[in-house]
Structures are given as structure tokens and as C-alpha cells.
Amino acid sequence: MRKNILILVVIVVAAYLIGVESAKSRGKNYEDLRHQLERLWTSPDAKKSRRRMAKQARKSIDKARKSLLG
């Protein structure tokens, strides 16, 4: 489990660094990237999608719990 989390963290950090370097090469800076991520996070459509996914996850967990416990 630790190994999987470590691999995931390494991939996320690498993707972030590549994204920042890509933005710099296009003449944009880190703040532009940060603002884009912030807009995406606060977007009403994104919020609705996150709520829908959380609801589906809860249903899936409840269904799995019922099937395991009987």
C-alpha cells in the first residue's frame, strides 16, 4: 500500500513540474496555472460533478457493505 501511494505521489509531482515548465516555455507563469486550477475547482459544473461522483461512491460503498455483511 505504501509503495502504491509513493508511486502516486511521484507521478503527481512529476506531472506538476512538467506542467509548470510547459507553462513557462509558453511565456506563462505559475500564477496563470494556479488561477486556471482555482477556476476549475470553483466552477459550478465541477462542483456539481464532484457531488454526483461522491453520491455514486457512497451508493457503491453501501451496496458493497450490504453484500459483504449480508
PDB file of N, CA and C in Angstrom:
ATOM      1  N   MET A   1       0.828  -1.191   0.000  1.00  0.00           N
ATOM      2  CA  MET A   1       0.000   0.000   0.000  1.00  0.00           C
ATOM      3  C   MET A   1       0.871   1.252   0.000  1.00  0.00           C
ATOM      4  N   ARG A   2       1.891   1.259   0.860  1.00  0.00           N
ATOM      5  CA  ARG A   2       2.794   2.415   0.903  1.00  0.00           C
ATOM      6  C   ARG A   2       3.477   2.625  -0.435  1.00  0.00           C
ATOM      7  N   LYS A   3       3.842   1.510  -1.073  1.00  0.00           N
ATOM      8  CA  LYS A   3       4.533   1.589  -2.354  1.00  0.00           C
ATOM      9  C   LYS A   3       3.622   2.246  -3.396  1.00  0.00           C
ATOM     10  N   ASN A   4       2.351   1.892  -3.408  1.00  0.00           N
ATOM     11  CA  ASN A   4       1.402   2.471  -4.360  1.00  0.00           C
ATOM     12  C   ASN A   4       1.225   3.963  -4.118  1.00  0.00           C
ATOM     13  N   ILE A   5       1.137   4.355  -2.861  1.00  0.00           N
ATOM     14  CA  ILE A   5       0.969   5.767  -2.530  1.00  0.00           C
ATOM     15  C   ILE A   5       2.221   6.541  -2.935  1.00  0.00           C
ATOM     16  N   LEU A   6       3.374   5.973  -2.679  1.00  0.00           N
ATOM     17  CA  LEU A   6       4.624   6.621  -3.045  1.00  0.00           C
ATOM     18  C   LEU A   6       4.721   6.803  -4.560  1.00  0.00           C
ATOM     19  N   ILE A   7       4.344   5.788  -5.300  1.00  0.00           N
ATOM     20  CA  ILE A   7       4.357   5.879  -6.763  1.00  0.00           C
ATOM     21  C   ILE A   7       3.400   6.967  -7.229  1.00  0.00           C
ATOM     22  N   LEU A   8       2.229   7.031  -6.637  1.00  0.00           N
ATOM     23  CA  LEU A   8       1.247   8.048  -6.996  1.00  0.00           C
ATOM     24  C   LEU A   8       1.785   9.451  -6.710  1.00  0.00           C
ATOM     25  N   VAL A   9       2.411   9.628  -5.556  1.00  0.00           N
ATOM     26  CA  VAL A   9       2.976  10.939  -5.193  1.00  0.00           C
ATOM     27  C   VAL A   9       4.062  11.340  -6.188  1.00  0.00           C
ATOM     28  N   VAL A  10       4.918  10.417  -6.559  1.00  0.00           N
ATOM     29  CA  VAL A  10       5.984  10.707  -7.513  1.00  0.00           C
ATOM     30  C   VAL A  10       5.396  11.121  -8.859  1.00  0.00           C
ATOM     31  N   ILE A  11       4.363  10.438  -9.304  1.00  0.00           N
ATOM     32  CA  ILE A  11       3.729  10.770 -10.582  1.00  0.00           C
ATOM     33  C   ILE A  11       3.091  12.152 -10.524  1.00  0.00           C
ATOM     34  N   VAL A  12       2.419  12.457  -9.428  1.00  0.00           N
ATOM     35  CA  VAL A  12       1.769  13.771  -9.283  1.00  0.00           C
ATOM     36  C   VAL A  12       2.807  14.890  -9.290  1.00  0.00           C
ATOM     37  N   VAL A  13       3.884  14.712  -8.553  1.00  0.00           N
ATOM     38  CA  VAL A  13       4.929  15.738  -8.501  1.00  0.00           C
ATOM     39  C   VAL A  13       5.569  15.914  -9.879  1.00  0.00           C
ATOM     40  N   ALA A  14       5.833  14.825 -10.563  1.00  0.00           N
ATOM     41  CA  ALA A  14       6.431  14.908 -11.894  1.00  0.00           C
ATOM     42  C   ALA A  14       5.489  15.629 -12.867  1.00  0.00           C
ATOM     43  N   ALA A  15       4.211  15.307 -12.813  1.00  0.00           N
ATOM     44  CA  ALA A  15       3.245  15.962 -13.688  1.00  0.00           C
ATOM     45  C   ALA A  15       3.160  17.453 -13.393  1.00  0.00           C
ATOM     46  N   TYR A  16       3.206  17.803 -12.123  1.00  0.00           N
ATOM     47  CA  TYR A  16       3.168  19.215 -11.738  1.00  0.00           C
ATOM     48  C   TYR A  16       4.387  19.944 -12.287  1.00  0.00           C
ATOM     49  N   LEU A  17       5.571  19.368 -12.089  1.00  0.00           N
ATOM     50  CA  LEU A  17       6.790  20.010 -12.560  1.00  0.00           C
ATOM     51  C   LEU A  17       6.804  20.150 -14.078  1.00  0.00           C
ATOM     52  N   ILE A  18       6.349  19.124 -14.777  1.00  0.00           N
ATOM     53  CA  ILE A  18       6.284  19.192 -16.236  1.00  0.00           C
ATOM     54  C   ILE A  18       5.295  20.265 -16.659  1.00  0.00           C
ATOM     55  N   GLY A  19       4.177  20.365 -15.983  1.00  0.00           N
ATOM     56  CA  GLY A  19       3.182  21.388 -16.307  1.00  0.00           C
ATOM     57  C   GLY A  19       3.697  22.790 -16.080  1.00  0.00           C
ATOM     58  N   VAL A  20       4.418  22.993 -14.996  1.00  0.00           N
ATOM     59  CA  VAL A  20       4.975  24.320 -14.710  1.00  0.00           C
ATOM     60  C   VAL A  20       6.014  24.684 -15.756  1.00  0.00           C
ATOM     61  N   GLU A  21       6.875  23.751 -16.096  1.00  0.00           N
ATOM     62  CA  GLU A  21       7.891  24.024 -17.114  1.00  0.00           C
ATOM     63  C   GLU A  21       7.244  24.295 -18.468  1.00  0.00           C
ATOM     64  N   SER A  22       6.193  23.561 -18.779  1.00  0.00           N
ATOM     65  CA  SER A  22       5.475  23.780 -20.036  1.00  0.00           C
ATOM     66  C   SER A  22       4.858  25.173 -20.064  1.00  0.00           C
ATOM     67  N   ALA A  23       4.283  25.580 -18.969  1.00  0.00           N
ATOM     68  CA  ALA A  23       3.669  26.911 -18.898  1.00  0.00           C
ATOM     69  C   ALA A  23       4.730  27.997 -19.024  1.00  0.00           C
ATOM     70  N   LYS A  24       5.873  27.796 -18.416  1.00  0.00           N
ATOM     71  CA  LYS A  24       6.951  28.782 -18.507  1.00  0.00           C
ATOM     72  C   LYS A  24       7.450  28.905 -19.938  1.00  0.00           C
ATOM     73  N   SER A  25       7.548  27.790 -20.637  1.00  0.00           N
ATOM     74  CA  SER A  25       8.065  27.822 -22.001  1.00  0.00           C
ATOM     75  C   SER A  25       7.105  28.528 -22.951  1.00  0.00           C
ATOM     76  N   ARG A  26       5.829  28.566 -22.614  1.00  0.00           N
ATOM     77  CA  ARG A  26       4.853  29.269 -23.448  1.00  0.00           C
ATOM     78  C   ARG A  26       4.745  30.734 -23.057  1.00  0.00           C
ATOM     79  N   GLY A  27       5.548  31.164 -22.113  1.00  0.00           N
ATOM     80  CA  GLY A  27       5.523  32.560 -21.705  1.00  0.00           C
ATOM     81  C   GLY A  27       4.550  32.836 -20.581  1.00  0.00           C
ATOM     82  N   LYS A  28       3.970  31.810 -20.018  1.00  0.00           N
ATOM     83  CA  LYS A  28       3.059  31.984 -18.902  1.00  0.00           C
ATOM     84  C   LYS A  28       3.794  31.605 -17.627  1.00  0.00           C
ATOM     85  N   ASN A  29       3.310  32.055 -16.519  1.00  0.00           N
ATOM     86  CA  ASN A  29       3.985  31.724 -15.275  1.00  0.00           C
ATOM     87  C   ASN A  29       3.109  30.858 -14.385  1.00  0.00           C
ATOM     88  N   TYR A  30       3.636  30.533 -13.245  1.00  0.00           N
ATOM     89  CA  TYR A  30       2.954  29.647 -12.299  1.00  0.00           C
ATOM     90  C   TYR A  30       1.605  30.192 -11.878  1.00  0.00           C
ATOM     91  N   GLU A  31       1.490  31.501 -11.730  1.00  0.00           N
ATOM     92  CA  GLU A  31       0.230  32.101 -11.280  1.00  0.00           C
ATOM     93  C   GLU A  31      -0.900  31.819 -12.261  1.00  0.00           C
ATOM     94  N   ASP A  32      -0.618  31.837 -13.549  1.00  0.00           N
ATOM     95  CA  ASP A  32      -1.647  31.521 -14.536  1.00  0.00           C
ATOM     96  C   ASP A  32      -2.158  30.097 -14.350  1.00  0.00           C
ATOM     97  N   LEU A  33      -1.236  29.189 -14.149  1.00  0.00           N
ATOM     98  CA  LEU A  33      -1.616  27.791 -13.938  1.00  0.00           C
ATOM     99  C   LEU A  33      -2.445  27.653 -12.668  1.00  0.00           C
ATOM    100  N   ARG A  34      -2.022  28.334 -11.604  1.00  0.00           N
ATOM    101  CA  ARG A  34      -2.749  28.273 -10.339  1.00  0.00           C
ATOM    102  C   ARG A  34      -4.157  28.837 -10.492  1.00  0.00           C
ATOM    103  N   HIS A  35      -4.291  29.942 -11.222  1.00  0.00           N
ATOM    104  CA  HIS A  35      -5.607  30.538 -11.408  1.00  0.00           C
ATOM    105  C   HIS A  35      -6.516  29.640 -12.245  1.00  0.00           C
ATOM    106  N   GLN A  36      -5.947  28.970 -13.231  1.00  0.00           N
ATOM    107  CA  GLN A  36      -6.746  28.043 -14.028  1.00  0.00           C
ATOM    108  C   GLN A  36      -7.264  26.902 -13.163  1.00  0.00           C
ATOM    109  N   LEU A  37      -6.413  26.365 -12.314  1.00  0.00           N
ATOM    110  CA  LEU A  37      -6.843  25.285 -11.426  1.00  0.00           C
ATOM    111  C   LEU A  37      -7.899  25.775 -10.443  1.00  0.00           C
ATOM    112  N   GLU A  38      -7.728  26.989  -9.937  1.00  0.00           N
ATOM    113  CA  GLU A  38      -8.695  27.547  -8.997  1.00  0.00           C
ATOM    114  C   GLU A  38     -10.052  27.750  -9.666  1.00  0.00           C
ATOM    115  N   ARG A  39     -10.039  28.259 -10.889  1.00  0.00           N
ATOM    116  CA  ARG A  39     -11.303  28.440 -11.623  1.00  0.00           C
ATOM    117  C   ARG A  39     -11.986  27.108 -11.874  1.00  0.00           C
ATOM    118  N   LEU A  40     -11.197  26.101 -12.235  1.00  0.00           N
ATOM    119  CA  LEU A  40     -11.761  24.774 -12.468  1.00  0.00           C
ATOM    120  C   LEU A  40     -12.377  24.234 -11.186  1.00  0.00           C
ATOM    121  N   TRP A  41     -11.706  24.410 -10.058  1.00  0.00           N
ATOM    122  CA  TRP A  41     -12.187  23.878  -8.785  1.00  0.00           C
ATOM    123  C   TRP A  41     -13.467  24.572  -8.342  1.00  0.00           C
ATOM    124  N   THR A  42     -13.577  25.887  -8.572  1.00  0.00           N
ATOM    125  CA  THR A  42     -14.733  26.642  -8.101  1.00  0.00           C
ATOM    126  C   THR A  42     -15.849  26.720  -9.129  1.00  0.00           C
ATOM    127  N   SER A  43     -15.655  26.124 -10.273  1.00  0.00           N
ATOM    128  CA  SER A  43     -16.668  26.127 -11.329  1.00  0.00           C
ATOM    129  C   SER A  43     -17.931  25.410 -10.848  1.00  0.00           C
ATOM    130  N   PRO A  44     -19.124  25.972 -11.127  1.00  0.00           N
ATOM    131  CA  PRO A  44     -20.370  25.309 -10.712  1.00  0.00           C
ATOM    132  C   PRO A  44     -20.525  23.916 -11.332  1.00  0.00           C
ATOM    133  N   ASP A  45     -20.098  23.758 -12.583  1.00  0.00           N
ATOM    134  CA  ASP A  45     -20.201  22.447 -13.217  1.00  0.00           C
ATOM    135  C   ASP A  45     -19.288  21.429 -12.540  1.00  0.00           C
ATOM    136  N   ALA A  46     -18.098  21.882 -12.162  1.00  0.00           N
ATOM    137  CA  ALA A  46     -17.162  20.976 -11.480  1.00  0.00           C
ATOM    138  C   ALA A  46     -17.696  20.586 -10.110  1.00  0.00           C
ATOM    139  N   LYS A  47     -18.276  21.541  -9.394  1.00  0.00           N
ATOM    140  CA  LYS A  47     -18.844  21.238  -8.078  1.00  0.00           C
ATOM    141  C   LYS A  47     -19.970  20.222  -8.207  1.00  0.00           C
ATOM    142  N   LYS A  48     -20.826  20.429  -9.210  1.00  0.00           N
ATOM    143  CA  LYS A  48     -21.941  19.508  -9.426  1.00  0.00           C
ATOM    144  C   LYS A  48     -21.419  18.110  -9.742  1.00  0.00           C
ATOM    145  N   SER A  49     -20.389  18.043 -10.567  1.00  0.00           N
ATOM    146  CA  SER A  49     -19.813  16.761 -10.939  1.00  0.00           C
ATOM    147  C   SER A  49     -19.191  16.066  -9.725  1.00  0.00           C
ATOM    148  N   ARG A  50     -18.485  16.825  -8.873  1.00  0.00           N
ATOM    149  CA  ARG A  50     -17.896  16.224  -7.667  1.00  0.00           C
ATOM    150  C   ARG A  50     -18.977  15.704  -6.734  1.00  0.00           C
ATOM    151  N   ARG A  51     -20.062  16.451  -6.584  1.00  0.00           N
ATOM    152  CA  ARG A  51     -21.163  15.985  -5.723  1.00  0.00           C
ATOM    153  C   ARG A  51     -21.769  14.698  -6.273  1.00  0.00           C
ATOM    154  N   ARG A  52     -21.968  14.658  -7.590  1.00  0.00           N
ATOM    155  CA  ARG A  52     -22.552  13.478  -8.225  1.00  0.00           C
ATOM    156  C   ARG A  52     -21.638  12.272  -8.036  1.00  0.00           C
ATOM    157  N   MET A  53     -20.346  12.465  -8.206  1.00  0.00           N
ATOM    158  CA  MET A  53     -19.398  11.360  -8.040  1.00  0.00           C
ATOM    159  C   MET A  53     -19.352  10.890  -6.594  1.00  0.00           C
ATOM    160  N   ALA A  54     -19.431  11.827  -5.639  1.00  0.00           N
ATOM    161  CA  ALA A  54     -19.432  11.445  -4.225  1.00  0.00           C
ATOM    162  C   ALA A  54     -20.683  10.646  -3.893  1.00  0.00           C
ATOM    163  N   LYS A  55     -21.812  11.055  -4.443  1.00  0.00           N
ATOM    164  CA  LYS A  55     -23.064  10.338  -4.197  1.00  0.00           C
ATOM    165  C   LYS A  55     -22.984   8.920  -4.762  1.00  0.00           C
ATOM    166  N   GLN A  56     -22.431   8.785  -5.967  1.00  0.00           N
ATOM    167  CA  GLN A  56     -22.283   7.463  -6.566  1.00  0.00           C
ATOM    168  C   GLN A  56     -21.326   6.600  -5.746  1.00  0.00           C
ATOM    169  N   ALA A  57     -20.268   7.198  -5.232  1.00  0.00           N
ATOM    170  CA  ALA A  57     -19.306   6.445  -4.418  1.00  0.00           C
ATOM    171  C   ALA A  57     -19.965   5.953  -3.136  1.00  0.00           C
ATOM    172  N   ARG A  58     -20.769   6.835  -2.494  1.00  0.00           N
ATOM    173  CA  ARG A  58     -21.467   6.416  -1.272  1.00  0.00           C
ATOM    174  C   ARG A  58     -22.411   5.255  -1.559  1.00  0.00           C
ATOM    175  N   LYS A  59     -23.155   5.331  -2.668  1.00  0.00           N
ATOM    176  CA  LYS A  59     -24.063   4.244  -3.030  1.00  0.00           C
ATOM    177  C   LYS A  59     -23.291   2.951  -3.261  1.00  0.00           C
ATOM    178  N   SER A  60     -22.174   3.060  -3.943  1.00  0.00           N
ATOM    179  CA  SER A  60     -21.360   1.890  -4.230  1.00  0.00           C
ATOM    180  C   SER A  60     -20.813   1.273  -2.948  1.00  0.00           C
ATOM    181  N   ILE A  61     -20.361   2.111  -2.037  1.00  0.00           N
ATOM    182  CA  ILE A  61     -19.836   1.614  -0.748  1.00  0.00           C
ATOM    183  C   ILE A  61     -20.951   0.946   0.050  1.00  0.00           C
ATOM    184  N   ASP A  62     -22.120   1.572   0.088  1.00  0.00           N
ATOM    185  CA  ASP A  62     -23.244   0.978   0.819  1.00  0.00           C
ATOM    186  C   ASP A  62     -23.640  -0.365   0.210  1.00  0.00           C
ATOM    187  N   LYS A  63     -23.658  -0.438  -1.110  1.00  0.00           N
ATOM    188  CA  LYS A  63     -24.013  -1.685  -1.788  1.00  0.00           C
ATOM    189  C   LYS A  63     -22.984  -2.775  -1.477  1.00  0.00           C
ATOM    190  N   ALA A  64     -21.706  -2.416  -1.512  1.00  0.00           N
ATOM    191  CA  ALA A  64     -20.653  -3.390  -1.212  1.00  0.00           C
ATOM    192  C   ALA A  64     -20.733  -3.837   0.253  1.00  0.00           C
ATOM    193  N   ARG A  65     -21.005  -2.894   1.135  1.00  0.00           N
ATOM    194  CA  ARG A  65     -21.108  -3.227   2.557  1.00  0.00           C
ATOM    195  C   ARG A  65     -22.276  -4.205   2.797  1.00  0.00           C
ATOM    196  N   LYS A  66     -23.416  -3.941   2.127  1.00  0.00           N
ATOM    197  CA  LYS A  66     -24.578  -4.832   2.298  1.00  0.00           C
ATOM    198  C   LYS A  66     -24.294  -6.205   1.748  1.00  0.00           C
ATOM    199  N   SER A  67     -23.591  -6.286   0.605  1.00  0.00           N
ATOM    200  CA  SER A  67     -23.321  -7.594   0.018  1.00  0.00           C
ATOM    201  C   SER A  67     -22.306  -8.375   0.864  1.00  0.00           C
ATOM    202  N   LEU A  68     -21.391  -7.667   1.512  1.00  0.00           N
ATOM    203  CA  LEU A  68     -20.407  -8.366   2.342  1.00  0.00           C
ATOM    204  C   LEU A  68     -20.984  -8.785   3.690  1.00  0.00           C
ATOM    205  N   LEU A  69     -21.798  -7.920   4.278  1.00  0.00           N
ATOM    206  CA  LEU A  69     -22.317  -8.205   5.607  1.00  0.00           C
ATOM    207  C   LEU A  69     -23.623  -8.978   5.581  1.00  0.00           C
ATOM    208  N   GLY A  70     -24.225  -9.014   4.437  1.00  0.00           N
ATOM    209  CA  GLY A  70     -25.440  -9.823   4.333  1.00  0.00           C
ATOM    210  C   GLY A  70     -26.703  -9.097   4.412  1.00  0.00           C
TER     211      GLY A  70
END
